[in-house]
Amino acid sequence: MLNEERIKLMTKMACYEACEGKKNVAVGSYFRSDYIGLQVIKSVISATIAFVILFGMFILYDFEEFMADLYKIDLLAYGRSVIVCYLIFVAAYGVISYGVYTYRYTRARRSLKRYYNNLKRLAYLYDREGKH
């Protein structure tokens, strides 16, 4: 005999597995610090690439004026200011990434916990039906 509650639960779980379950299982396979650390490292690398591209675009935007002023400016001070801007940019990007990936990890773990509780409930429904 078909159990309507069990069918609804199985359908809900199958939908979860097909949609967000794959991503959440991948996230849940890491320890919290490993997942967040890896994602922040990727973000820092991405921020470095983005900064280099933006700095290159800034220089190329008015390259003629930059070349004319090149001999007038203090290159050491200019280099320091670029490095400070880079560090601020990467630090801000890293902090934002840390917050985002902490939230994502927490949400994925909570979702997986609900999924495993549904699995236990489904096993209970099967056991209860098997005893009757």
N, C-alpha and C. Protein backbone atom coordinates (compact mmCIF):
# COMPACT_ATOMS: atom_id res chain seq x y z
N MET A 1 0.84 -1.17 0.00
CA MET A 1 0.00 0.00 0.00
C MET A 1 0.89 1.25 0.00
N LEU A 2 0.45 2.27 -0.70
CA LEU A 2 1.22 3.50 -0.80
C LEU A 2 0.99 4.38 0.41
N ASN A 3 2.05 4.92 0.92
CA ASN A 3 1.99 5.81 2.06
C ASN A 3 2.19 7.23 1.54
N GLU A 4 1.17 8.06 1.66
CA GLU A 4 1.21 9.41 1.09
C GLU A 4 2.29 10.27 1.75
N GLU A 5 2.44 10.17 3.04
CA GLU A 5 3.45 10.95 3.74
C GLU A 5 4.86 10.58 3.27
N ARG A 6 5.08 9.29 3.09
CA ARG A 6 6.39 8.82 2.64
C ARG A 6 6.68 9.27 1.21
N ILE A 7 5.68 9.26 0.36
CA ILE A 7 5.85 9.69 -1.03
C ILE A 7 6.17 11.18 -1.09
N LYS A 8 5.47 12.00 -0.29
CA LYS A 8 5.76 13.43 -0.25
C LYS A 8 7.18 13.69 0.22
N LEU A 9 7.60 12.97 1.25
CA LEU A 9 8.93 13.14 1.79
C LEU A 9 10.00 12.73 0.77
N MET A 10 9.76 11.63 0.07
CA MET A 10 10.72 11.16 -0.93
C MET A 10 10.80 12.15 -2.10
N THR A 11 9.68 12.72 -2.50
CA THR A 11 9.66 13.70 -3.59
C THR A 11 10.42 14.96 -3.19
N LYS A 12 10.19 15.40 -1.96
CA LYS A 12 10.87 16.58 -1.45
C LYS A 12 12.39 16.35 -1.40
N MET A 13 12.78 15.17 -0.96
CA MET A 13 14.21 14.86 -0.86
C MET A 13 14.85 14.70 -2.23
N ALA A 14 14.14 14.13 -3.18
CA ALA A 14 14.67 13.98 -4.54
C ALA A 14 14.87 15.34 -5.20
N CYS A 15 13.93 16.24 -4.97
CA CYS A 15 14.06 17.60 -5.50
C CYS A 15 15.27 18.30 -4.89
N TYR A 16 15.46 18.13 -3.60
CA TYR A 16 16.61 18.72 -2.92
C TYR A 16 17.92 18.17 -3.49
N GLU A 17 17.98 16.85 -3.66
CA GLU A 17 19.19 16.22 -4.19
C GLU A 17 19.51 16.71 -5.59
N ALA A 18 18.49 16.91 -6.41
CA ALA A 18 18.71 17.32 -7.79
C ALA A 18 19.12 18.80 -7.89
N CYS A 19 18.62 19.63 -7.00
CA CYS A 19 18.89 21.07 -7.11
C CYS A 19 20.09 21.48 -6.28
N GLU A 20 19.84 21.87 -5.06
CA GLU A 20 20.91 22.43 -4.24
C GLU A 20 21.66 21.38 -3.44
N GLY A 21 21.20 20.18 -3.43
CA GLY A 21 21.84 19.12 -2.65
C GLY A 21 23.26 18.82 -3.08
N LYS A 22 23.52 18.84 -4.38
CA LYS A 22 24.87 18.56 -4.88
C LYS A 22 25.87 19.58 -4.38
N LYS A 23 25.49 20.86 -4.43
CA LYS A 23 26.38 21.91 -3.95
C LYS A 23 26.59 21.80 -2.45
N ASN A 24 25.51 21.54 -1.73
CA ASN A 24 25.61 21.48 -0.27
C ASN A 24 26.43 20.29 0.20
N VAL A 25 26.33 19.17 -0.50
CA VAL A 25 27.14 18.01 -0.14
C VAL A 25 28.61 18.31 -0.38
N ALA A 26 28.91 19.02 -1.47
CA ALA A 26 30.30 19.40 -1.74
C ALA A 26 30.82 20.34 -0.64
N VAL A 27 30.01 21.28 -0.22
CA VAL A 27 30.40 22.20 0.85
C VAL A 27 30.51 21.45 2.17
N GLY A 28 29.58 20.57 2.44
CA GLY A 28 29.56 19.83 3.70
C GLY A 28 30.68 18.83 3.85
N SER A 29 31.35 18.50 2.76
CA SER A 29 32.44 17.54 2.85
C SER A 29 33.71 18.17 3.44
N TYR A 30 33.74 19.49 3.58
CA TYR A 30 34.88 20.20 4.15
C TYR A 30 34.62 20.50 5.62
N PHE A 31 35.71 20.66 6.37
CA PHE A 31 35.60 21.26 7.68
C PHE A 31 35.37 22.76 7.46
N ARG A 32 34.78 23.41 8.44
CA ARG A 32 34.43 24.82 8.30
C ARG A 32 35.65 25.68 7.95
N SER A 33 36.71 25.53 8.71
CA SER A 33 37.89 26.37 8.49
C SER A 33 38.56 26.07 7.15
N ASP A 34 38.54 24.80 6.73
CA ASP A 34 39.14 24.45 5.44
C ASP A 34 38.37 25.07 4.28
N TYR A 35 37.05 24.96 4.33
CA TYR A 35 36.22 25.51 3.26
C TYR A 35 36.37 27.02 3.17
N ILE A 36 36.24 27.69 4.31
CA ILE A 36 36.31 29.15 4.30
C ILE A 36 37.71 29.61 3.91
N GLY A 37 38.73 28.96 4.42
CA GLY A 37 40.10 29.33 4.07
C GLY A 37 40.39 29.17 2.60
N LEU A 38 39.96 28.07 2.01
CA LEU A 38 40.16 27.84 0.58
C LEU A 38 39.45 28.90 -0.26
N GLN A 39 38.23 29.21 0.11
CA GLN A 39 37.47 30.20 -0.65
C GLN A 39 38.06 31.60 -0.50
N VAL A 40 38.56 31.93 0.68
CA VAL A 40 39.18 33.25 0.88
C VAL A 40 40.48 33.34 0.08
N ILE A 41 41.25 32.25 0.04
CA ILE A 41 42.48 32.25 -0.77
C ILE A 41 42.14 32.46 -2.24
N LYS A 42 41.12 31.77 -2.73
CA LYS A 42 40.69 31.98 -4.12
C LYS A 42 40.26 33.43 -4.35
N SER A 43 39.57 34.00 -3.37
CA SER A 43 39.12 35.38 -3.49
C SER A 43 40.28 36.36 -3.50
N VAL A 44 41.30 36.10 -2.69
CA VAL A 44 42.46 36.98 -2.66
C VAL A 44 43.19 36.93 -4.00
N ILE A 45 43.30 35.74 -4.57
CA ILE A 45 43.92 35.60 -5.89
C ILE A 45 43.10 36.35 -6.94
N SER A 46 41.80 36.22 -6.88
CA SER A 46 40.92 36.93 -7.81
C SER A 46 41.03 38.45 -7.62
N ALA A 47 41.12 38.88 -6.36
CA ALA A 47 41.24 40.32 -6.08
C ALA A 47 42.56 40.85 -6.62
N THR A 48 43.62 40.06 -6.51
CA THR A 48 44.91 40.49 -7.05
C THR A 48 44.84 40.66 -8.56
N ILE A 49 44.24 39.70 -9.23
CA ILE A 49 44.09 39.79 -10.68
C ILE A 49 43.24 41.00 -11.06
N ALA A 50 42.16 41.21 -10.32
CA ALA A 50 41.28 42.35 -10.60
C ALA A 50 42.01 43.67 -10.37
N PHE A 51 42.81 43.74 -9.31
CA PHE A 51 43.55 44.97 -9.04
C PHE A 51 44.56 45.25 -10.14
N VAL A 52 45.25 44.22 -10.59
CA VAL A 52 46.23 44.41 -11.66
C VAL A 52 45.54 44.91 -12.93
N ILE A 53 44.40 44.33 -13.25
CA ILE A 53 43.65 44.76 -14.44
C ILE A 53 43.18 46.21 -14.29
N LEU A 54 42.61 46.54 -13.11
CA LEU A 54 42.14 47.90 -12.89
C LEU A 54 43.29 48.91 -12.90
N PHE A 55 44.41 48.55 -12.30
CA PHE A 55 45.56 49.45 -12.29
C PHE A 55 46.10 49.64 -13.71
N GLY A 56 46.14 48.56 -14.48
CA GLY A 56 46.56 48.66 -15.88
C GLY A 56 45.64 49.55 -16.68
N MET A 57 44.35 49.43 -16.46
CA MET A 57 43.39 50.28 -17.17
C MET A 57 43.54 51.75 -16.75
N PHE A 58 43.82 51.96 -15.45
CA PHE A 58 44.03 53.32 -14.95
C PHE A 58 45.25 53.95 -15.63
N ILE A 59 46.32 53.20 -15.74
CA ILE A 59 47.54 53.72 -16.37
C ILE A 59 47.31 53.94 -17.87
N LEU A 60 46.68 52.99 -18.53
CA LEU A 60 46.48 53.10 -19.97
C LEU A 60 45.43 54.13 -20.37
N TYR A 61 44.57 54.51 -19.41
CA TYR A 61 43.52 55.48 -19.72
C TYR A 61 44.12 56.79 -20.23
N ASP A 62 45.13 57.28 -19.53
CA ASP A 62 45.77 58.51 -19.96
C ASP A 62 47.28 58.28 -19.95
N PHE A 63 47.72 57.37 -20.79
CA PHE A 63 49.11 56.93 -20.81
C PHE A 63 50.07 58.05 -21.17
N GLU A 64 49.66 58.93 -22.06
CA GLU A 64 50.53 60.03 -22.49
C GLU A 64 50.85 60.96 -21.32
N GLU A 65 49.83 61.29 -20.54
CA GLU A 65 50.04 62.15 -19.37
C GLU A 65 50.88 61.43 -18.32
N PHE A 66 50.62 60.16 -18.15
CA PHE A 66 51.41 59.37 -17.19
C PHE A 66 52.88 59.37 -17.56
N MET A 67 53.18 59.17 -18.83
CA MET A 67 54.58 59.15 -19.28
C MET A 67 55.22 60.53 -19.15
N ALA A 68 54.46 61.58 -19.35
CA ALA A 68 54.99 62.94 -19.21
C ALA A 68 55.30 63.25 -17.75
N ASP A 69 54.48 62.76 -16.83
CA ASP A 69 54.67 63.01 -15.41
C ASP A 69 55.61 62.01 -14.75
N LEU A 70 56.02 61.01 -15.47
CA LEU A 70 56.83 59.93 -14.90
C LEU A 70 58.13 60.45 -14.30
N TYR A 71 58.74 61.41 -14.92
CA TYR A 71 60.01 61.94 -14.43
C TYR A 71 59.82 62.98 -13.33
N LYS A 72 58.62 63.49 -13.18
CA LYS A 72 58.35 64.52 -12.18
C LYS A 72 57.94 63.93 -10.84
N ILE A 73 57.35 62.73 -10.86
CA ILE A 73 56.82 62.15 -9.62
C ILE A 73 57.90 61.37 -8.88
N ASP A 74 57.69 61.22 -7.59
CA ASP A 74 58.56 60.41 -6.76
C ASP A 74 58.10 58.96 -6.91
N LEU A 75 58.88 58.16 -7.60
CA LEU A 75 58.46 56.78 -7.90
C LEU A 75 58.33 55.92 -6.66
N LEU A 76 59.17 56.15 -5.66
CA LEU A 76 59.09 55.38 -4.43
C LEU A 76 57.78 55.66 -3.70
N ALA A 77 57.41 56.92 -3.60
CA ALA A 77 56.15 57.29 -2.94
C ALA A 77 54.96 56.78 -3.76
N TYR A 78 55.07 56.88 -5.07
CA TYR A 78 53.99 56.38 -5.93
C TYR A 78 53.83 54.86 -5.77
N GLY A 79 54.95 54.16 -5.73
CA GLY A 79 54.92 52.71 -5.52
C GLY A 79 54.32 52.34 -4.18
N ARG A 80 54.67 53.09 -3.13
CA ARG A 80 54.10 52.84 -1.81
C ARG A 80 52.59 53.06 -1.81
N SER A 81 52.15 54.13 -2.47
CA SER A 81 50.71 54.39 -2.49
C SER A 81 49.96 53.31 -3.27
N VAL A 82 50.56 52.79 -4.33
CA VAL A 82 49.93 51.70 -5.08
C VAL A 82 49.86 50.45 -4.22
N ILE A 83 50.93 50.16 -3.49
CA ILE A 83 50.93 48.97 -2.62
C ILE A 83 49.91 49.11 -1.50
N VAL A 84 49.81 50.30 -0.92
CA VAL A 84 48.81 50.52 0.14
C VAL A 84 47.40 50.35 -0.42
N CYS A 85 47.14 50.90 -1.59
CA CYS A 85 45.83 50.73 -2.23
C CYS A 85 45.55 49.25 -2.50
N TYR A 86 46.57 48.54 -2.95
CA TYR A 86 46.42 47.11 -3.22
C TYR A 86 46.08 46.36 -1.94
N LEU A 87 46.80 46.63 -0.86
CA LEU A 87 46.55 45.94 0.41
C LEU A 87 45.16 46.25 0.96
N ILE A 88 44.73 47.49 0.84
CA ILE A 88 43.38 47.85 1.29
C ILE A 88 42.33 47.13 0.46
N PHE A 89 42.53 47.11 -0.85
CA PHE A 89 41.60 46.45 -1.76
C PHE A 89 41.50 44.96 -1.46
N VAL A 90 42.64 44.31 -1.31
CA VAL A 90 42.65 42.87 -1.05
C VAL A 90 42.09 42.55 0.34
N ALA A 91 42.43 43.37 1.32
CA ALA A 91 41.91 43.15 2.67
C ALA A 91 40.39 43.29 2.71
N ALA A 92 39.87 44.32 2.07
CA ALA A 92 38.41 44.51 2.04
C ALA A 92 37.74 43.34 1.31
N TYR A 93 38.31 42.93 0.20
CA TYR A 93 37.76 41.82 -0.56
C TYR A 93 37.82 40.53 0.26
N GLY A 94 38.90 40.32 0.98
CA GLY A 94 39.03 39.13 1.81
C GLY A 94 38.04 39.10 2.95
N VAL A 95 37.83 40.24 3.60
CA VAL A 95 36.87 40.31 4.70
C VAL A 95 35.45 40.05 4.20
N ILE A 96 35.11 40.65 3.08
CA ILE A 96 33.78 40.43 2.51
C ILE A 96 33.62 38.96 2.11
N SER A 97 34.65 38.38 1.50
CA SER A 97 34.60 36.97 1.11
C SER A 97 34.45 36.07 2.32
N TYR A 98 35.16 36.39 3.40
CA TYR A 98 35.05 35.60 4.62
C TYR A 98 33.61 35.59 5.13
N GLY A 99 32.99 36.75 5.14
CA GLY A 99 31.59 36.83 5.59
C GLY A 99 30.65 36.06 4.69
N VAL A 100 30.82 36.20 3.40
CA VAL A 100 29.94 35.53 2.44
C VAL A 100 30.08 34.01 2.55
N TYR A 101 31.31 33.52 2.58
CA TYR A 101 31.51 32.07 2.60
C TYR A 101 31.21 31.47 3.96
N THR A 102 31.31 32.23 5.04
CA THR A 102 30.86 31.74 6.34
C THR A 102 29.35 31.55 6.32
N TYR A 103 28.65 32.51 5.76
CA TYR A 103 27.20 32.41 5.65
C TYR A 103 26.80 31.22 4.78
N ARG A 104 27.46 31.07 3.63
CA ARG A 104 27.13 29.95 2.74
C ARG A 104 27.39 28.60 3.39
N TYR A 105 28.49 28.50 4.12
CA TYR A 105 28.80 27.23 4.79
C TYR A 105 27.76 26.91 5.86
N THR A 106 27.41 27.91 6.64
CA THR A 106 26.41 27.71 7.70
C THR A 106 25.07 27.31 7.10
N ARG A 107 24.68 27.97 6.04
CA ARG A 107 23.41 27.65 5.38
C ARG A 107 23.42 26.25 4.79
N ALA A 108 24.53 25.85 4.18
CA ALA A 108 24.64 24.51 3.60
C ALA A 108 24.60 23.44 4.68
N ARG A 109 25.30 23.66 5.78
CA ARG A 109 25.29 22.67 6.86
C ARG A 109 23.89 22.54 7.47
N ARG A 110 23.20 23.64 7.63
CA ARG A 110 21.84 23.62 8.17
C ARG A 110 20.91 22.84 7.23
N SER A 111 21.08 23.09 5.93
CA SER A 111 20.26 22.41 4.94
C SER A 111 20.56 20.91 4.92
N LEU A 112 21.83 20.56 5.01
CA LEU A 112 22.19 19.13 5.05
C LEU A 112 21.66 18.45 6.31
N LYS A 113 21.65 19.18 7.41
CA LYS A 113 21.12 18.62 8.66
C LYS A 113 19.63 18.30 8.50
N ARG A 114 18.89 19.21 7.87
CA ARG A 114 17.48 18.95 7.60
C ARG A 114 17.30 17.74 6.69
N TYR A 115 18.18 17.64 5.68
CA TYR A 115 18.11 16.51 4.74
C TYR A 115 18.36 15.19 5.47
N TYR A 116 19.37 15.15 6.32
CA TYR A 116 19.65 13.92 7.06
C TYR A 116 18.55 13.58 8.05
N ASN A 117 17.93 14.59 8.63
CA ASN A 117 16.78 14.34 9.50
C ASN A 117 15.62 13.75 8.70
N ASN A 118 15.43 14.24 7.48
CA ASN A 118 14.38 13.67 6.62
C ASN A 118 14.71 12.22 6.25
N LEU A 119 15.99 11.93 6.05
CA LEU A 119 16.38 10.54 5.78
C LEU A 119 16.05 9.64 6.96
N LYS A 120 16.33 10.11 8.16
CA LYS A 120 16.00 9.33 9.36
C LYS A 120 14.49 9.13 9.48
N ARG A 121 13.77 10.19 9.17
CA ARG A 121 12.30 10.10 9.24
C ARG A 121 11.77 9.11 8.21
N LEU A 122 12.35 9.10 7.02
CA LEU A 122 11.95 8.16 5.98
C LEU A 122 12.27 6.73 6.40
N ALA A 123 13.43 6.52 7.00
CA ALA A 123 13.78 5.18 7.49
C ALA A 123 12.80 4.74 8.57
N TYR A 124 12.42 5.67 9.43
CA TYR A 124 11.44 5.35 10.47
C TYR A 124 10.10 4.96 9.85
N LEU A 125 9.67 5.69 8.81
CA LEU A 125 8.40 5.36 8.15
C LEU A 125 8.46 3.97 7.51
N TYR A 126 9.59 3.65 6.91
CA TYR A 126 9.75 2.30 6.32
C TYR A 126 9.72 1.23 7.41
N ASP A 127 10.41 1.47 8.52
CA ASP A 127 10.42 0.49 9.62
C ASP A 127 9.03 0.33 10.21
N ARG A 128 8.33 1.42 10.39
CA ARG A 128 6.99 1.37 10.97
C ARG A 128 6.04 0.60 10.05
N GLU A 129 6.17 0.80 8.74
CA GLU A 129 5.30 0.11 7.79
C GLU A 129 5.67 -1.38 7.71
N GLY A 130 6.93 -1.70 7.86
CA GLY A 130 7.39 -3.08 7.79
C GLY A 130 6.93 -3.90 8.98
N LYS A 131 6.69 -3.28 10.12
CA LYS A 131 6.27 -3.99 11.33
C LYS A 131 4.78 -4.31 11.32
N HIS A 132 4.04 -3.60 10.50
CA HIS A 132 2.57 -3.84 10.45
C HIS A 132 2.25 -4.92 9.49
